[in-house]
Amino acid sequence: LNVAVFPVTKDGKELEDEDIKESPEELLGTSAYYEVRILSASGLPKELSNNTFVKFKFFRCSSYTETPRVRGSTANPVFNFKKIFEESVTPTFMDYLESEVLIFEVYGEDLRATK
């Protein structure tokens, strides 16, 4: 799975190196913006990769964020999905960034079950 997560501006522009804070504590009390990009997947099992999509939960989101389904059957789906998340930087959010993982789940329909 080809994904990227990185800080951006409120308008979704990538931060310049000089705009990135050296110390995470400098961000406390501010709003931070993060872009999640899910570009593509490769080498998926052919029989399980019909109408493929990816889902994930970011920080305290109660529901999953999903990519649109890539219609048809392909072992190498291209999603080209982007979403920006805004978070208030609190000690809890800092702990999340330092100690948690972001899990991406890839789903597809089983071609054998549709026959």
Protein backbone atom coordinates (compact mmCIF):
# COMPACT_ATOMS: atom_id res chain seq x y z
CA LEU A 1 0.00 0.00 0.00
CA ASN A 2 1.46 3.34 -1.07
CA VAL A 3 0.45 5.96 1.54
CA ALA A 4 1.84 9.19 2.95
CA VAL A 5 0.93 11.30 5.98
CA PHE A 6 2.49 14.71 6.43
CA PRO A 7 1.83 18.16 7.90
CA VAL A 8 0.32 20.78 5.60
CA THR A 9 -1.00 24.33 5.82
CA LYS A 10 -4.67 25.08 6.36
CA ASP A 11 -4.94 25.37 2.56
CA GLY A 12 -3.39 21.94 2.04
CA LYS A 13 0.01 23.14 0.84
CA GLU A 14 3.08 21.22 1.93
CA LEU A 15 5.06 22.92 4.68
CA GLU A 16 8.47 24.28 3.83
CA ASP A 17 11.33 22.90 5.94
CA GLU A 18 11.70 26.21 7.78
CA ASP A 19 7.99 26.10 8.76
CA ILE A 20 8.28 22.72 10.48
CA LYS A 21 8.74 23.10 14.23
CA GLU A 22 11.90 21.58 15.71
CA SER A 23 10.25 20.72 19.00
CA PRO A 24 6.79 19.13 19.19
CA GLU A 25 6.10 21.19 22.32
CA GLU A 26 6.11 24.32 20.14
CA LEU A 27 2.87 23.05 18.59
CA LEU A 28 0.92 22.72 21.85
CA GLY A 29 -2.18 24.91 21.84
CA THR A 30 -2.19 25.39 18.07
CA SER A 31 -4.15 23.76 15.26
CA ALA A 32 -2.25 21.34 13.07
CA TYR A 33 -3.25 20.10 9.63
CA TYR A 34 -2.28 16.70 8.27
CA GLU A 35 -2.86 15.29 4.83
CA VAL A 36 -3.36 11.58 4.39
CA ARG A 37 -2.70 10.34 0.86
CA ILE A 38 -3.58 6.85 -0.24
CA LEU A 39 -2.10 6.58 -3.69
CA SER A 40 -2.23 2.94 -4.73
CA ALA A 41 -1.79 -0.69 -3.78
CA SER A 42 0.09 -3.40 -5.58
CA GLY A 43 0.28 -7.16 -5.59
CA LEU A 44 -3.14 -7.77 -4.07
CA PRO A 45 -4.56 -11.28 -4.48
CA LYS A 46 -6.38 -11.17 -7.84
CA GLU A 47 -9.37 -13.17 -6.62
CA LEU A 48 -9.89 -10.80 -3.66
CA SER A 49 -9.36 -7.46 -5.40
CA ASN A 50 -12.67 -6.63 -7.02
CA ASN A 51 -14.12 -3.17 -6.18
CA THR A 52 -11.21 -2.46 -3.84
CA PHE A 53 -11.14 0.32 -1.24
CA VAL A 54 -9.12 1.37 1.81
CA LYS A 55 -10.40 2.56 5.18
CA PHE A 56 -8.78 4.00 8.30
CA LYS A 57 -9.52 6.01 11.45
CA PHE A 58 -7.48 9.09 12.29
CA PHE A 59 -6.96 9.99 15.96
CA ARG A 60 -10.35 10.33 17.68
CA CYS A 61 -12.55 10.00 14.62
CA SER A 62 -15.56 7.89 15.55
CA SER A 63 -16.09 6.64 12.02
CA TYR A 64 -13.82 5.32 9.32
CA THR A 65 -12.63 7.39 6.40
CA GLU A 66 -12.91 5.39 3.16
CA THR A 67 -11.53 5.84 -0.31
CA PRO A 68 -13.90 5.53 -3.23
CA ARG A 69 -14.02 1.99 -4.58
CA VAL A 70 -11.83 1.17 -7.55
CA ARG A 71 -14.42 -0.54 -9.75
CA GLY A 72 -13.59 -3.79 -11.46
CA SER A 73 -10.90 -6.30 -10.69
CA THR A 74 -7.25 -5.31 -10.41
CA ALA A 75 -4.38 -6.49 -8.25
CA ASN A 76 -2.87 -2.98 -8.50
CA PRO A 77 -5.63 -0.45 -7.75
CA VAL A 78 -4.93 3.29 -7.99
CA PHE A 79 -6.85 5.36 -5.43
CA ASN A 80 -5.27 8.84 -5.66
CA PHE A 81 -7.14 9.71 -2.45
CA LYS A 82 -6.34 12.76 -0.30
CA LYS A 83 -7.92 14.07 2.89
CA ILE A 84 -6.84 16.82 5.26
CA PHE A 85 -7.44 16.50 8.99
CA GLU A 86 -7.34 19.40 11.44
CA GLU A 87 -6.42 18.69 15.06
CA SER A 88 -5.98 20.87 18.11
CA VAL A 89 -2.54 20.01 19.41
CA THR A 90 -3.01 18.82 22.98
CA PRO A 91 -0.85 16.56 25.14
CA THR A 92 -3.24 13.70 24.24
CA PHE A 93 -2.73 14.31 20.51
CA MET A 94 1.04 14.52 21.03
CA ASP A 95 0.96 11.15 22.82
CA TYR A 96 -1.01 9.71 19.89
CA LEU A 97 1.57 10.93 17.36
CA GLU A 98 4.46 9.59 19.42
CA SER A 99 3.10 6.19 20.43
CA GLU A 100 0.21 5.06 18.23
CA VAL A 101 0.02 3.68 14.72
CA LEU A 102 -2.30 4.55 11.88
CA ILE A 103 -3.81 1.36 10.49
CA PHE A 104 -4.95 1.19 6.87
CA GLU A 105 -7.29 -1.67 5.97
CA VAL A 106 -7.61 -2.81 2.35
CA TYR A 107 -10.88 -4.43 1.28
CA GLY A 108 -12.09 -6.05 -1.91
CA GLU A 109 -14.84 -8.38 -2.98
CA ASP A 110 -14.09 -12.06 -3.41
CA LEU A 111 -14.60 -12.88 -7.09
CA ARG A 112 -15.21 -16.52 -6.20
CA ALA A 113 -18.20 -15.54 -4.05
CA THR A 114 -19.86 -13.57 -6.86
CA LYS A 115 -19.94 -16.48 -9.31
